[in-house]
Amino acid sequence: MGKKGTRWLDSLIWIAGIAVYLFLTIPVLVIILSAFSPTEYPQFPPTDFSVRWFKEVFQSEQWMQSLWSSTLVMIIVTPLTVLLGTMSSYALARLSFPGKGLIQSFIMSPLMIPQVVLGVALLYLFSSLGLFGSTLGLIIGHIVICFPYVVRTVSVSITNLDSRLELASMNLGSTPWQTFYRVTLPLIKPGIIAGAVFAAVTSFGEISISLFVSTPETITIPVRTFGYIDQTFDPSVNAIAVIFIALSVIALVIIEKTIGLSKVM
């Protein structure tokens, strides 16, 4: 292929890449700009700039109740999932035992099983245990979904950790706990931070399981948004979407700065 053919191929690749980026970003841009519309319905482009619908969200008792429910669950789920996920990742990386591969597959299964199926299963389970509609049931459901993400990101850091550093620490007199706290933990901290971000964002935006296990008293912000769209559609939904987009962007920045997106995507 000559230089002219190569230039044409490069141009086509650039055009295709730009088209894909536009396809992905234009809907998001429409949502963001429509959230600042002063009218009673989403308008793009907006005729004027207004934060009316953000005020409506933060002044609404129902929206704030759901926002608090989502935040409370996220605050509880994130540290618990990070703790359990870190311990599981370390055990899977450093120990050899029968059925190890089966356990790894079981831990990652929530990523492969349709969440609707998990939601129905948890609905039956929580109903029999008396946890249906409780905050505890919602927390357990979110941990099930977030756990694989933490295990995956922490496992990346543990895999890249040179085990000889831990052996050197113990040879110099440190106990296994001291080695883990002073050597292992600082070195795998980027993976733990990335896992915490994934857990927080996943919990805050989870809807499939929340639809099955929540009640009006424990309804989360994604579930309320889903129901709100079914009844009416004003820019309040766009304002909520902007909040989710902002959280996602912050999460991506944190993950990129700590461990790198290429290692977890």
Protein backbone atom coordinates (compact mmCIF):
# COMPACT_ATOMS: atom_id res chain seq x y z
CA MET A 1 0.00 0.00 0.00
CA GLY A 2 1.40 3.39 -1.02
CA LYS A 3 1.61 6.56 1.03
CA LYS A 4 -1.64 7.84 -0.46
CA GLY A 5 -3.48 4.66 0.56
CA THR A 6 -2.00 4.84 4.05
CA ARG A 7 -3.17 8.46 4.45
CA TRP A 8 -6.68 7.47 3.38
CA LEU A 9 -6.70 4.61 5.88
CA ASP A 10 -5.50 6.89 8.69
CA SER A 11 -8.18 9.44 7.79
CA LEU A 12 -10.90 6.77 7.87
CA ILE A 13 -9.69 5.57 11.28
CA TRP A 14 -9.76 9.14 12.62
CA ILE A 15 -13.24 9.73 11.21
CA ALA A 16 -14.53 6.47 12.69
CA GLY A 17 -12.99 7.30 16.07
CA ILE A 18 -14.50 10.80 16.11
CA ALA A 19 -17.90 9.37 15.12
CA VAL A 20 -17.80 6.89 18.01
CA TYR A 21 -16.84 9.60 20.52
CA LEU A 22 -19.62 11.86 19.26
CA PHE A 23 -22.11 8.99 19.48
CA LEU A 24 -21.14 8.47 23.13
CA THR A 25 -20.82 12.09 24.25
CA ILE A 26 -23.71 13.84 22.50
CA PRO A 27 -26.47 12.10 24.55
CA VAL A 28 -24.60 12.97 27.75
CA LEU A 29 -24.19 16.56 26.59
CA VAL A 30 -27.92 16.78 25.84
CA ILE A 31 -28.77 15.54 29.34
CA ILE A 32 -26.37 17.97 31.02
CA LEU A 33 -27.58 21.02 29.10
CA SER A 34 -31.25 20.07 29.48
CA ALA A 35 -30.79 19.91 33.25
CA PHE A 36 -30.25 23.68 33.25
CA SER A 37 -33.43 24.39 31.30
CA PRO A 38 -35.87 26.78 33.06
CA THR A 39 -38.94 25.28 31.36
CA GLU A 40 -41.30 22.63 32.74
CA TYR A 41 -39.95 20.03 30.35
CA PRO A 42 -36.43 19.14 29.13
CA GLN A 43 -35.41 21.46 26.34
CA PHE A 44 -32.33 21.26 24.15
CA PRO A 45 -30.72 23.59 23.63
CA PRO A 46 -32.13 25.44 26.67
CA THR A 47 -33.51 28.92 26.03
CA ASP A 48 -31.93 30.18 29.24
CA PHE A 49 -29.61 29.00 31.99
CA SER A 50 -31.23 28.04 35.29
CA VAL A 51 -30.48 25.87 38.31
CA ARG A 52 -34.19 25.64 39.10
CA TRP A 53 -34.37 21.88 38.82
CA PHE A 54 -31.34 21.30 40.99
CA LYS A 55 -33.08 23.39 43.65
CA GLU A 56 -36.26 21.35 43.12
CA VAL A 57 -34.32 18.15 43.76
CA PHE A 58 -32.62 19.39 46.92
CA GLN A 59 -35.82 20.97 48.26
CA SER A 60 -37.94 17.87 47.61
CA GLU A 61 -38.47 15.69 50.67
CA GLN A 62 -38.90 12.57 48.54
CA TRP A 63 -35.77 13.13 46.47
CA MET A 64 -33.71 13.94 49.57
CA GLN A 65 -35.02 10.87 51.41
CA SER A 66 -33.95 8.68 48.52
CA LEU A 67 -30.62 10.49 48.25
CA TRP A 68 -30.04 9.89 51.95
CA SER A 69 -30.96 6.20 51.60
CA SER A 70 -28.50 5.75 48.74
CA THR A 71 -25.78 7.66 50.58
CA LEU A 72 -26.28 5.73 53.82
CA VAL A 73 -26.14 2.38 52.04
CA MET A 74 -23.05 3.48 50.08
CA ILE A 75 -21.26 4.65 53.24
CA ILE A 76 -21.86 1.29 54.92
CA VAL A 77 -21.34 -0.94 51.88
CA THR A 78 -18.05 0.61 50.72
CA PRO A 79 -15.82 -0.07 53.77
CA LEU A 80 -17.38 -3.49 54.40
CA THR A 81 -16.88 -4.55 50.79
CA VAL A 82 -13.33 -3.20 50.71
CA LEU A 83 -12.45 -5.07 53.91
CA LEU A 84 -13.96 -8.36 52.76
CA GLY A 85 -12.66 -7.96 49.21
CA THR A 86 -9.11 -7.18 50.32
CA MET A 87 -8.96 -10.18 52.63
CA SER A 88 -10.41 -12.46 49.95
CA SER A 89 -8.02 -11.18 47.29
CA TYR A 90 -5.00 -11.67 49.52
CA ALA A 91 -6.08 -15.19 50.50
CA LEU A 92 -6.70 -16.19 46.89
CA ALA A 93 -3.34 -14.77 45.80
CA ARG A 94 -1.18 -16.19 48.59
CA LEU A 95 -2.84 -19.48 49.58
CA SER A 96 -3.21 -22.76 47.72
CA PHE A 97 -6.16 -24.98 48.63
CA PRO A 98 -8.59 -27.36 46.94
CA GLY A 99 -11.42 -25.65 45.08
CA LYS A 100 -9.60 -22.35 44.75
CA GLY A 101 -10.66 -21.88 41.13
CA LEU A 102 -14.26 -22.70 42.02
CA ILE A 103 -14.27 -20.10 44.78
CA GLN A 104 -12.82 -17.49 42.41
CA SER A 105 -15.56 -18.23 39.89
CA PHE A 106 -18.20 -18.01 42.63
CA ILE A 107 -16.89 -14.62 43.77
CA MET A 108 -17.03 -13.27 40.22
CA SER A 109 -20.41 -14.84 39.43
CA PRO A 110 -22.46 -11.68 40.20
CA LEU A 111 -20.76 -10.08 37.19
CA MET A 112 -21.98 -12.88 34.92
CA ILE A 113 -25.41 -13.69 36.34
CA PRO A 114 -28.16 -11.29 35.19
CA GLN A 115 -28.90 -8.90 38.03
CA VAL A 116 -32.62 -9.45 37.58
CA VAL A 117 -32.05 -13.09 38.50
CA LEU A 118 -30.06 -12.04 41.57
CA GLY A 119 -32.80 -9.60 42.47
CA VAL A 120 -35.51 -12.27 42.34
CA ALA A 121 -33.33 -14.70 44.32
CA LEU A 122 -32.64 -12.10 47.03
CA LEU A 123 -36.33 -11.18 47.11
CA TYR A 124 -37.28 -14.76 47.99
CA LEU A 125 -34.38 -15.12 50.43
CA PHE A 126 -35.03 -11.85 52.27
CA SER A 127 -38.77 -12.51 52.41
CA SER A 128 -38.14 -15.83 54.15
CA LEU A 129 -35.63 -14.25 56.55
CA GLY A 130 -37.76 -11.19 57.31
CA LEU A 131 -35.26 -8.79 55.72
CA PHE A 132 -37.42 -7.65 52.83
CA GLY A 133 -37.67 -3.86 52.72
CA SER A 134 -35.04 -3.40 55.42
CA THR A 135 -31.89 -1.33 55.13
CA LEU A 136 -29.89 -4.42 56.13
CA GLY A 137 -31.30 -6.38 53.21
CA LEU A 138 -30.46 -3.52 50.85
CA ILE A 139 -26.91 -3.41 52.21
CA ILE A 140 -26.43 -7.16 51.75
CA GLY A 141 -27.73 -6.97 48.19
CA HIS A 142 -25.35 -4.15 47.33
CA ILE A 143 -22.40 -5.97 48.88
CA VAL A 144 -23.15 -8.97 46.65
CA ILE A 145 -22.94 -6.73 43.58
CA CYS A 146 -19.93 -4.63 44.65
CA PHE A 147 -17.79 -7.47 46.04
CA PRO A 148 -16.44 -8.77 42.68
CA TYR A 149 -15.28 -5.28 41.66
CA VAL A 150 -13.20 -4.89 44.82
CA VAL A 151 -11.72 -8.38 44.50
CA ARG A 152 -10.81 -7.69 40.88
CA THR A 153 -9.05 -4.36 41.48
CA VAL A 154 -7.24 -5.45 44.65
CA SER A 155 -6.14 -8.68 42.95
CA VAL A 156 -4.44 -6.60 40.25
CA SER A 157 -2.29 -4.86 42.86
CA ILE A 158 -1.50 -8.08 44.72
CA THR A 159 -0.54 -9.85 41.48
CA ASN A 160 1.89 -7.03 40.64
CA LEU A 161 3.38 -7.16 44.16
CA ASP A 162 6.75 -8.88 44.42
CA SER A 163 6.31 -11.52 47.13
CA ARG A 164 10.06 -11.36 47.81
CA LEU A 165 9.49 -8.03 49.55
CA GLU A 166 7.20 -9.74 52.06
CA LEU A 167 9.69 -12.57 52.57
CA ALA A 168 12.50 -10.07 53.12
CA SER A 169 10.42 -8.27 55.74
CA MET A 170 9.72 -11.49 57.66
CA ASN A 171 13.36 -12.59 57.36
CA LEU A 172 14.32 -9.33 59.04
CA GLY A 173 12.15 -10.16 62.04
CA SER A 174 8.71 -8.78 61.22
CA THR A 175 5.66 -10.84 62.05
CA PRO A 176 3.21 -11.71 59.24
CA TRP A 177 0.81 -9.05 60.55
CA GLN A 178 3.57 -6.40 60.69
CA THR A 179 4.63 -7.35 57.17
CA PHE A 180 1.10 -7.02 55.88
CA TYR A 181 0.55 -3.67 57.62
CA ARG A 182 3.92 -2.07 56.82
CA VAL A 183 4.82 -3.64 53.46
CA THR A 184 1.87 -5.26 51.71
CA LEU A 185 -0.86 -2.77 52.56
CA PRO A 186 1.00 0.35 51.36
CA LEU A 187 1.95 -1.38 48.10
CA ILE A 188 -1.59 -2.54 47.30
CA LYS A 189 -3.21 0.73 48.43
CA PRO A 190 -3.90 1.90 44.84
CA GLY A 191 -5.96 -1.21 44.19
CA ILE A 192 -7.83 -0.77 47.46
CA ILE A 193 -8.64 2.85 46.63
CA ALA A 194 -9.81 1.89 43.15
CA GLY A 195 -11.93 -0.91 44.62
CA ALA A 196 -13.48 1.49 47.11
CA VAL A 197 -14.37 3.90 44.31
CA PHE A 198 -15.90 1.11 42.23
CA ALA A 199 -17.88 -0.12 45.23
CA ALA A 200 -19.14 3.37 46.09
CA VAL A 201 -20.21 4.23 42.54
CA THR A 202 -21.75 0.80 41.92
CA SER A 203 -23.70 0.92 45.18
CA PHE A 204 -24.91 4.47 44.62
CA GLY A 205 -26.16 3.72 41.11
CA GLU A 206 -27.43 0.16 41.61
CA ILE A 207 -31.05 -0.33 40.52
CA SER A 208 -31.74 -3.94 39.51
CA ILE A 209 -31.49 -5.47 42.98
CA SER A 210 -32.83 -2.36 44.73
CA LEU A 211 -36.04 -2.61 42.69
CA PHE A 212 -36.75 -6.03 44.23
CA VAL A 213 -35.63 -5.55 47.84
CA SER A 214 -36.52 -1.93 48.62
CA THR A 215 -39.80 -0.44 49.87
CA PRO A 216 -41.06 3.17 49.89
CA GLU A 217 -39.25 3.64 53.23
CA THR A 218 -35.90 2.45 51.86
CA ILE A 219 -36.19 3.48 48.21
CA THR A 220 -32.87 4.54 46.67
CA ILE A 221 -32.29 7.41 44.26
CA PRO A 222 -31.98 5.20 41.11
CA VAL A 223 -35.24 3.40 41.94
CA ARG A 224 -37.06 6.69 42.58
CA THR A 225 -35.71 8.06 39.29
CA PHE A 226 -36.98 4.97 37.48
CA GLY A 227 -40.44 5.37 38.99
CA TYR A 228 -40.46 9.12 38.47
CA ILE A 229 -39.87 8.79 34.73
CA ASP A 230 -42.77 6.36 34.53
CA GLN A 231 -45.13 8.97 36.04
CA THR A 232 -43.80 12.28 34.77
CA PHE A 233 -40.76 13.68 33.03
CA ASP A 234 -39.37 17.06 33.93
CA PRO A 235 -35.75 18.27 34.14
CA SER A 236 -35.49 17.01 37.73
CA VAL A 237 -34.49 13.67 36.24
CA ASN A 238 -31.81 15.42 34.18
CA ALA A 239 -30.50 17.11 37.33
CA ILE A 240 -30.22 13.71 39.03
CA ALA A 241 -28.46 12.38 35.93
CA VAL A 242 -25.94 15.22 36.10
CA ILE A 243 -25.17 14.27 39.71
CA PHE A 244 -24.53 10.67 38.63
CA ILE A 245 -22.35 11.81 35.73
CA ALA A 246 -20.30 14.02 38.06
CA LEU A 247 -19.77 11.12 40.47
CA SER A 248 -18.72 8.84 37.59
CA VAL A 249 -16.21 11.38 36.29
CA ILE A 250 -14.73 11.84 39.77
CA ALA A 251 -14.49 8.06 40.14
CA LEU A 252 -12.70 7.68 36.81
CA VAL A 253 -10.22 10.42 37.74
CA ILE A 254 -9.47 8.77 41.10
CA ILE A 255 -8.99 5.34 39.51
CA GLU A 256 -6.74 6.75 36.77
CA LYS A 257 -4.59 8.60 39.32
CA THR A 258 -4.28 5.62 41.67
CA ILE A 259 -4.04 2.44 39.59
CA GLY A 260 -4.73 3.33 35.96
CA LEU A 261 -7.87 2.63 33.99
CA SER A 262 -6.12 0.21 31.65
CA LYS A 263 -5.47 -2.17 34.56
CA VAL A 264 -9.07 -2.46 35.72
CA MET A 265 -11.11 -2.06 32.51
